[in-house]
Amino acid sequence: MPIGDWQFWIASLGALAALWLLARPLLGARGGDAGAPARRTTLTIGRTDGVSGEGSRARAPGPPPS
């Protein structure tokens, strides 16, 4: 190993930085809220524009009925 060569150290640092960038997504997140309980949300399935029932089909996009 050419320990006294500056190019060896630059290449080694570049390889370590690339390895760290590749391994970072695989490591777990150690943020401040990692132990916090998960938030629950309600899911809305269906129309959300306030129109409901069979009357909504009459207002489908397209030319008006003649």
PDB file of N, CA and C in Angstrom:
ATOM      1  N   MET A   1       0.839  -1.178   0.000  1.00  0.00           N
ATOM      2  CA  MET A   1       0.000   0.000   0.000  1.00  0.00           C
ATOM      3  C   MET A   1       0.889   1.248   0.000  1.00  0.00           C
ATOM      4  N   PRO A   2       0.613   2.149  -0.911  1.00  0.00           N
ATOM      5  CA  PRO A   2       1.411   3.385  -0.972  1.00  0.00           C
ATOM      6  C   PRO A   2       0.906   4.428   0.016  1.00  0.00           C
ATOM      7  N   ILE A   3       1.250   4.260   1.272  1.00  0.00           N
ATOM      8  CA  ILE A   3       0.731   5.134   2.321  1.00  0.00           C
ATOM      9  C   ILE A   3       1.258   6.562   2.180  1.00  0.00           C
ATOM     10  N   GLY A   4       2.440   6.740   1.620  1.00  0.00           N
ATOM     11  CA  GLY A   4       3.014   8.069   1.492  1.00  0.00           C
ATOM     12  C   GLY A   4       2.530   8.828   0.271  1.00  0.00           C
ATOM     13  N   ASP A   5       1.699   8.221  -0.578  1.00  0.00           N
ATOM     14  CA  ASP A   5       1.240   8.861  -1.815  1.00  0.00           C
ATOM     15  C   ASP A   5      -0.057   9.624  -1.555  1.00  0.00           C
ATOM     16  N   TRP A   6      -0.131  10.883  -1.938  1.00  0.00           N
ATOM     17  CA  TRP A   6      -1.313  11.697  -1.690  1.00  0.00           C
ATOM     18  C   TRP A   6      -2.506  11.231  -2.521  1.00  0.00           C
ATOM     19  N   GLN A   7      -2.237  10.663  -3.703  1.00  0.00           N
ATOM     20  CA  GLN A   7      -3.327  10.175  -4.553  1.00  0.00           C
ATOM     21  C   GLN A   7      -4.038   8.980  -3.912  1.00  0.00           C
ATOM     22  N   PHE A   8      -3.292   8.175  -3.177  1.00  0.00           N
ATOM     23  CA  PHE A   8      -3.886   7.054  -2.459  1.00  0.00           C
ATOM     24  C   PHE A   8      -4.906   7.548  -1.441  1.00  0.00           C
ATOM     25  N   TRP A   9      -4.563   8.607  -0.710  1.00  0.00           N
ATOM     26  CA  TRP A   9      -5.464   9.123   0.311  1.00  0.00           C
ATOM     27  C   TRP A   9      -6.689   9.789  -0.308  1.00  0.00           C
ATOM     28  N   ILE A  10      -6.532  10.490  -1.418  1.00  0.00           N
ATOM     29  CA  ILE A  10      -7.679  11.108  -2.095  1.00  0.00           C
ATOM     30  C   ILE A  10      -8.632  10.034  -2.618  1.00  0.00           C
ATOM     31  N   ALA A  11      -8.069   9.002  -3.243  1.00  0.00           N
ATOM     32  CA  ALA A  11      -8.907   7.912  -3.755  1.00  0.00           C
ATOM     33  C   ALA A  11      -9.587   7.155  -2.619  1.00  0.00           C
ATOM     34  N   SER A  12      -8.871   6.967  -1.503  1.00  0.00           N
ATOM     35  CA  SER A  12      -9.467   6.270  -0.356  1.00  0.00           C
ATOM     36  C   SER A  12     -10.608   7.079   0.247  1.00  0.00           C
ATOM     37  N   LEU A  13     -10.416   8.385   0.387  1.00  0.00           N
ATOM     38  CA  LEU A  13     -11.496   9.233   0.911  1.00  0.00           C
ATOM     39  C   LEU A  13     -12.696   9.247  -0.024  1.00  0.00           C
ATOM     40  N   GLY A  14     -12.453   9.279  -1.323  1.00  0.00           N
ATOM     41  CA  GLY A  14     -13.560   9.231  -2.290  1.00  0.00           C
ATOM     42  C   GLY A  14     -14.323   7.921  -2.204  1.00  0.00           C
ATOM     43  N   ALA A  15     -13.602   6.813  -2.051  1.00  0.00           N
ATOM     44  CA  ALA A  15     -14.261   5.511  -1.925  1.00  0.00           C
ATOM     45  C   ALA A  15     -15.066   5.423  -0.633  1.00  0.00           C
ATOM     46  N   LEU A  16     -14.526   5.952   0.456  1.00  0.00           N
ATOM     47  CA  LEU A  16     -15.274   5.944   1.718  1.00  0.00           C
ATOM     48  C   LEU A  16     -16.520   6.824   1.645  1.00  0.00           C
ATOM     49  N   ALA A  17     -16.422   7.974   0.982  1.00  0.00           N
ATOM     50  CA  ALA A  17     -17.587   8.846   0.832  1.00  0.00           C
ATOM     51  C   ALA A  17     -18.659   8.169  -0.014  1.00  0.00           C
ATOM     52  N   ALA A  18     -18.256   7.489  -1.087  1.00  0.00           N
ATOM     53  CA  ALA A  18     -19.228   6.789  -1.930  1.00  0.00           C
ATOM     54  C   ALA A  18     -19.879   5.641  -1.166  1.00  0.00           C
ATOM     55  N   LEU A  19     -19.107   4.931  -0.379  1.00  0.00           N
ATOM     56  CA  LEU A  19     -19.666   3.846   0.426  1.00  0.00           C
ATOM     57  C   LEU A  19     -20.655   4.369   1.449  1.00  0.00           C
ATOM     58  N   TRP A  20     -20.335   5.503   2.064  1.00  0.00           N
ATOM     59  CA  TRP A  20     -21.241   6.102   3.042  1.00  0.00           C
ATOM     60  C   TRP A  20     -22.540   6.551   2.372  1.00  0.00           C
ATOM     61  N   LEU A  21     -22.444   7.151   1.178  1.00  0.00           N
ATOM     62  CA  LEU A  21     -23.653   7.594   0.473  1.00  0.00           C
ATOM     63  C   LEU A  21     -24.531   6.422   0.059  1.00  0.00           C
ATOM     64  N   LEU A  22     -23.917   5.301  -0.296  1.00  0.00           N
ATOM     65  CA  LEU A  22     -24.697   4.128  -0.671  1.00  0.00           C
ATOM     66  C   LEU A  22     -25.318   3.428   0.540  1.00  0.00           C
ATOM     67  N   ALA A  23     -24.633   3.456   1.675  1.00  0.00           N
ATOM     68  CA  ALA A  23     -25.115   2.752   2.863  1.00  0.00           C
ATOM     69  C   ALA A  23     -26.086   3.586   3.684  1.00  0.00           C
ATOM     70  N   ARG A  24     -26.114   4.894   3.485  1.00  0.00           N
ATOM     71  CA  ARG A  24     -26.947   5.772   4.306  1.00  0.00           C
ATOM     72  C   ARG A  24     -28.439   5.439   4.223  1.00  0.00           C
ATOM     73  N   PRO A  25     -29.024   5.172   3.042  1.00  0.00           N
ATOM     74  CA  PRO A  25     -30.455   4.810   3.032  1.00  0.00           C
ATOM     75  C   PRO A  25     -30.747   3.464   3.696  1.00  0.00           C
ATOM     76  N   LEU A  26     -29.763   2.593   3.754  1.00  0.00           N
ATOM     77  CA  LEU A  26     -29.987   1.282   4.363  1.00  0.00           C
ATOM     78  C   LEU A  26     -29.948   1.335   5.883  1.00  0.00           C
ATOM     79  N   LEU A  27     -29.277   2.319   6.420  1.00  0.00           N
ATOM     80  CA  LEU A  27     -29.225   2.467   7.870  1.00  0.00           C
ATOM     81  C   LEU A  27     -30.533   3.067   8.365  1.00  0.00           C
ATOM     82  N   GLY A  28     -30.946   2.717   9.548  1.00  0.00           N
ATOM     83  CA  GLY A  28     -32.191   3.225  10.100  1.00  0.00           C
ATOM     84  C   GLY A  28     -32.112   4.704  10.409  1.00  0.00           C
ATOM     85  N   ALA A  29     -33.245   5.357  10.369  1.00  0.00           N
ATOM     86  CA  ALA A  29     -33.305   6.779  10.707  1.00  0.00           C
ATOM     87  C   ALA A  29     -33.176   6.920  12.219  1.00  0.00           C
ATOM     88  N   ARG A  30     -32.268   7.753  12.642  1.00  0.00           N
ATOM     89  CA  ARG A  30     -32.067   7.961  14.067  1.00  0.00           C
ATOM     90  C   ARG A  30     -32.449   9.380  14.436  1.00  0.00           C
ATOM     91  N   GLY A  31     -33.564   9.851  13.889  1.00  0.00           N
ATOM     92  CA  GLY A  31     -34.012  11.209  14.157  1.00  0.00           C
ATOM     93  C   GLY A  31     -34.575  11.354  15.551  1.00  0.00           C
ATOM     94  N   GLY A  32     -35.000  12.553  15.884  1.00  0.00           N
ATOM     95  CA  GLY A  32     -35.506  12.833  17.211  1.00  0.00           C
ATOM     96  C   GLY A  32     -36.843  12.188  17.507  1.00  0.00           C
ATOM     97  N   ASP A  33     -37.682  11.957  16.504  1.00  0.00           N
ATOM     98  CA  ASP A  33     -39.012  11.404  16.756  1.00  0.00           C
ATOM     99  C   ASP A  33     -39.109   9.930  16.369  1.00  0.00           C
ATOM    100  N   ALA A  34     -38.003   9.216  16.379  1.00  0.00           N
ATOM    101  CA  ALA A  34     -38.025   7.808  15.985  1.00  0.00           C
ATOM    102  C   ALA A  34     -38.832   6.961  16.972  1.00  0.00           C
ATOM    103  N   GLY A  35     -38.888   7.354  18.238  1.00  0.00           N
ATOM    104  CA  GLY A  35     -39.617   6.577  19.225  1.00  0.00           C
ATOM    105  C   GLY A  35     -41.045   7.046  19.431  1.00  0.00           C
ATOM    106  N   ALA A  36     -41.466   8.085  18.692  1.00  0.00           N
ATOM    107  CA  ALA A  36     -42.812   8.626  18.858  1.00  0.00           C
ATOM    108  C   ALA A  36     -43.835   7.664  18.254  1.00  0.00           C
ATOM    109  N   PRO A  37     -45.017   7.592  18.827  1.00  0.00           N
ATOM    110  CA  PRO A  37     -46.048   6.725  18.246  1.00  0.00           C
ATOM    111  C   PRO A  37     -46.503   7.256  16.894  1.00  0.00           C
ATOM    112  N   ALA A  38     -46.941   6.348  16.054  1.00  0.00           N
ATOM    113  CA  ALA A  38     -47.371   6.720  14.708  1.00  0.00           C
ATOM    114  C   ALA A  38     -48.689   7.482  14.771  1.00  0.00           C
ATOM    115  N   ARG A  39     -48.835   8.465  13.916  1.00  0.00           N
ATOM    116  CA  ARG A  39     -50.084   9.219  13.840  1.00  0.00           C
ATOM    117  C   ARG A  39     -51.082   8.480  12.966  1.00  0.00           C
ATOM    118  N   ARG A  40     -52.306   8.431  13.410  1.00  0.00           N
ATOM    119  CA  ARG A  40     -53.359   7.803  12.608  1.00  0.00           C
ATOM    120  C   ARG A  40     -54.157   8.887  11.908  1.00  0.00           C
ATOM    121  N   THR A  41     -54.508   8.614  10.668  1.00  0.00           N
ATOM    122  CA  THR A  41     -55.322   9.544   9.902  1.00  0.00           C
ATOM    123  C   THR A  41     -56.536   8.805   9.365  1.00  0.00           C
ATOM    124  N   THR A  42     -57.557   9.563   9.062  1.00  0.00           N
ATOM    125  CA  THR A  42     -58.741   8.964   8.464  1.00  0.00           C
ATOM    126  C   THR A  42     -58.598   9.017   6.954  1.00  0.00           C
ATOM    127  N   LEU A  43     -59.073   7.995   6.304  1.00  0.00           N
ATOM    128  CA  LEU A  43     -59.007   7.921   4.855  1.00  0.00           C
ATOM    129  C   LEU A  43     -60.356   8.286   4.271  1.00  0.00           C
ATOM    130  N   THR A  44     -60.339   9.083   3.227  1.00  0.00           N
ATOM    131  CA  THR A  44     -61.554   9.431   2.520  1.00  0.00           C
ATOM    132  C   THR A  44     -61.553   8.685   1.202  1.00  0.00           C
ATOM    133  N   ILE A  45     -62.544   7.842   1.033  1.00  0.00           N
ATOM    134  CA  ILE A  45     -62.646   7.076  -0.197  1.00  0.00           C
ATOM    135  C   ILE A  45     -63.936   7.493  -0.875  1.00  0.00           C
ATOM    136  N   GLY A  46     -63.836   7.955  -2.073  1.00  0.00           N
ATOM    137  CA  GLY A  46     -65.006   8.390  -2.808  1.00  0.00           C
ATOM    138  C   GLY A  46     -64.887   9.838  -3.206  1.00  0.00           C
ATOM    139  N   ARG A  47     -66.016  10.441  -3.523  1.00  0.00           N
ATOM    140  CA  ARG A  47     -66.024  11.836  -3.969  1.00  0.00           C
ATOM    141  C   ARG A  47     -65.798  12.764  -2.791  1.00  0.00           C
ATOM    142  N   THR A  48     -65.085  13.840  -3.043  1.00  0.00           N
ATOM    143  CA  THR A  48     -64.828  14.795  -1.977  1.00  0.00           C
ATOM    144  C   THR A  48     -65.307  16.188  -2.336  1.00  0.00           C
ATOM    145  N   ASP A  49     -66.065  16.331  -3.437  1.00  0.00           N
ATOM    146  CA  ASP A  49     -66.507  17.657  -3.857  1.00  0.00           C
ATOM    147  C   ASP A  49     -67.900  18.005  -3.341  1.00  0.00           C
ATOM    148  N   GLY A  50     -68.450  17.204  -2.445  1.00  0.00           N
ATOM    149  CA  GLY A  50     -69.735  17.504  -1.854  1.00  0.00           C
ATOM    150  C   GLY A  50     -70.918  16.946  -2.633  1.00  0.00           C
ATOM    151  N   VAL A  51     -70.683  16.357  -3.787  1.00  0.00           N
ATOM    152  CA  VAL A  51     -71.764  15.798  -4.593  1.00  0.00           C
ATOM    153  C   VAL A  51     -71.826  14.310  -4.299  1.00  0.00           C
ATOM    154  N   SER A  52     -73.012  13.808  -3.985  1.00  0.00           N
ATOM    155  CA  SER A  52     -73.138  12.390  -3.711  1.00  0.00           C
ATOM    156  C   SER A  52     -74.460  11.879  -4.257  1.00  0.00           C
ATOM    157  N   GLY A  53     -74.592  10.586  -4.303  1.00  0.00           N
ATOM    158  CA  GLY A  53     -75.835   9.971  -4.745  1.00  0.00           C
ATOM    159  C   GLY A  53     -75.879   9.784  -6.253  1.00  0.00           C
ATOM    160  N   GLU A  54     -77.044   9.396  -6.751  1.00  0.00           N
ATOM    161  CA  GLU A  54     -77.215   9.115  -8.177  1.00  0.00           C
ATOM    162  C   GLU A  54     -77.247  10.377  -9.017  1.00  0.00           C
ATOM    163  N   GLY A  55     -77.569  11.512  -8.411  1.00  0.00           N
ATOM    164  CA  GLY A  55     -77.629  12.759  -9.170  1.00  0.00           C
ATOM    165  C   GLY A  55     -76.273  13.192  -9.694  1.00  0.00           C
ATOM    166  N   SER A  56     -75.214  12.670  -9.129  1.00  0.00           N
ATOM    167  CA  SER A  56     -73.883  13.068  -9.577  1.00  0.00           C
ATOM    168  C   SER A  56     -73.564  12.506 -10.940  1.00  0.00           C
ATOM    169  N   ARG A  57     -74.211  11.428 -11.330  1.00  0.00           N
ATOM    170  CA  ARG A  57     -73.946  10.855 -12.651  1.00  0.00           C
ATOM    171  C   ARG A  57     -74.512  11.726 -13.759  1.00  0.00           C
ATOM    172  N   ALA A  58     -75.546  12.484 -13.468  1.00  0.00           N
ATOM    173  CA  ALA A  58     -76.154  13.331 -14.490  1.00  0.00           C
ATOM    174  C   ALA A  58     -75.242  14.515 -14.827  1.00  0.00           C
ATOM    175  N   ARG A  59     -74.342  14.854 -13.937  1.00  0.00           N
ATOM    176  CA  ARG A  59     -73.455  15.975 -14.162  1.00  0.00           C
ATOM    177  C   ARG A  59     -72.076  15.529 -14.624  1.00  0.00           C
ATOM    178  N   ALA A  60     -71.980  14.417 -15.293  1.00  0.00           N
ATOM    179  CA  ALA A  60     -70.705  13.923 -15.795  1.00  0.00           C
ATOM    180  C   ALA A  60     -70.206  14.867 -16.895  1.00  0.00           C
ATOM    181  N   PRO A  61     -68.904  14.986 -17.056  1.00  0.00           N
ATOM    182  CA  PRO A  61     -68.368  15.864 -18.097  1.00  0.00           C
ATOM    183  C   PRO A  61     -68.760  15.369 -19.483  1.00  0.00           C
ATOM    184  N   GLY A  62     -68.931  16.285 -20.371  1.00  0.00           N
ATOM    185  CA  GLY A  62     -69.293  15.947 -21.739  1.00  0.00           C
ATOM    186  C   GLY A  62     -70.352  16.905 -22.255  1.00  0.00           C
ATOM    187  N   PRO A  63     -70.822  16.669 -23.447  1.00  0.00           N
ATOM    188  CA  PRO A  63     -71.841  17.576 -23.998  1.00  0.00           C
ATOM    189  C   PRO A  63     -73.145  17.424 -23.240  1.00  0.00           C
ATOM    190  N   PRO A  64     -73.890  18.498 -23.131  1.00  0.00           N
ATOM    191  CA  PRO A  64     -75.186  18.417 -22.421  1.00  0.00           C
ATOM    192  C   PRO A  64     -76.161  17.531 -23.206  1.00  0.00           C
ATOM    193  N   PRO A  65     -77.022  16.840 -22.484  1.00  0.00           N
ATOM    194  CA  PRO A  65     -78.005  15.978 -23.183  1.00  0.00           C
ATOM    195  C   PRO A  65     -78.994  16.841 -23.950  1.00  0.00           C
ATOM    196  N   SER A  66     -79.427  16.320 -25.091  1.00  0.00           N
ATOM    197  CA  SER A  66     -80.369  17.090 -25.919  1.00  0.00           C
ATOM    198  C   SER A  66     -81.800  16.668 -25.713  1.00  0.00           C
TER     199      SER A  66
END
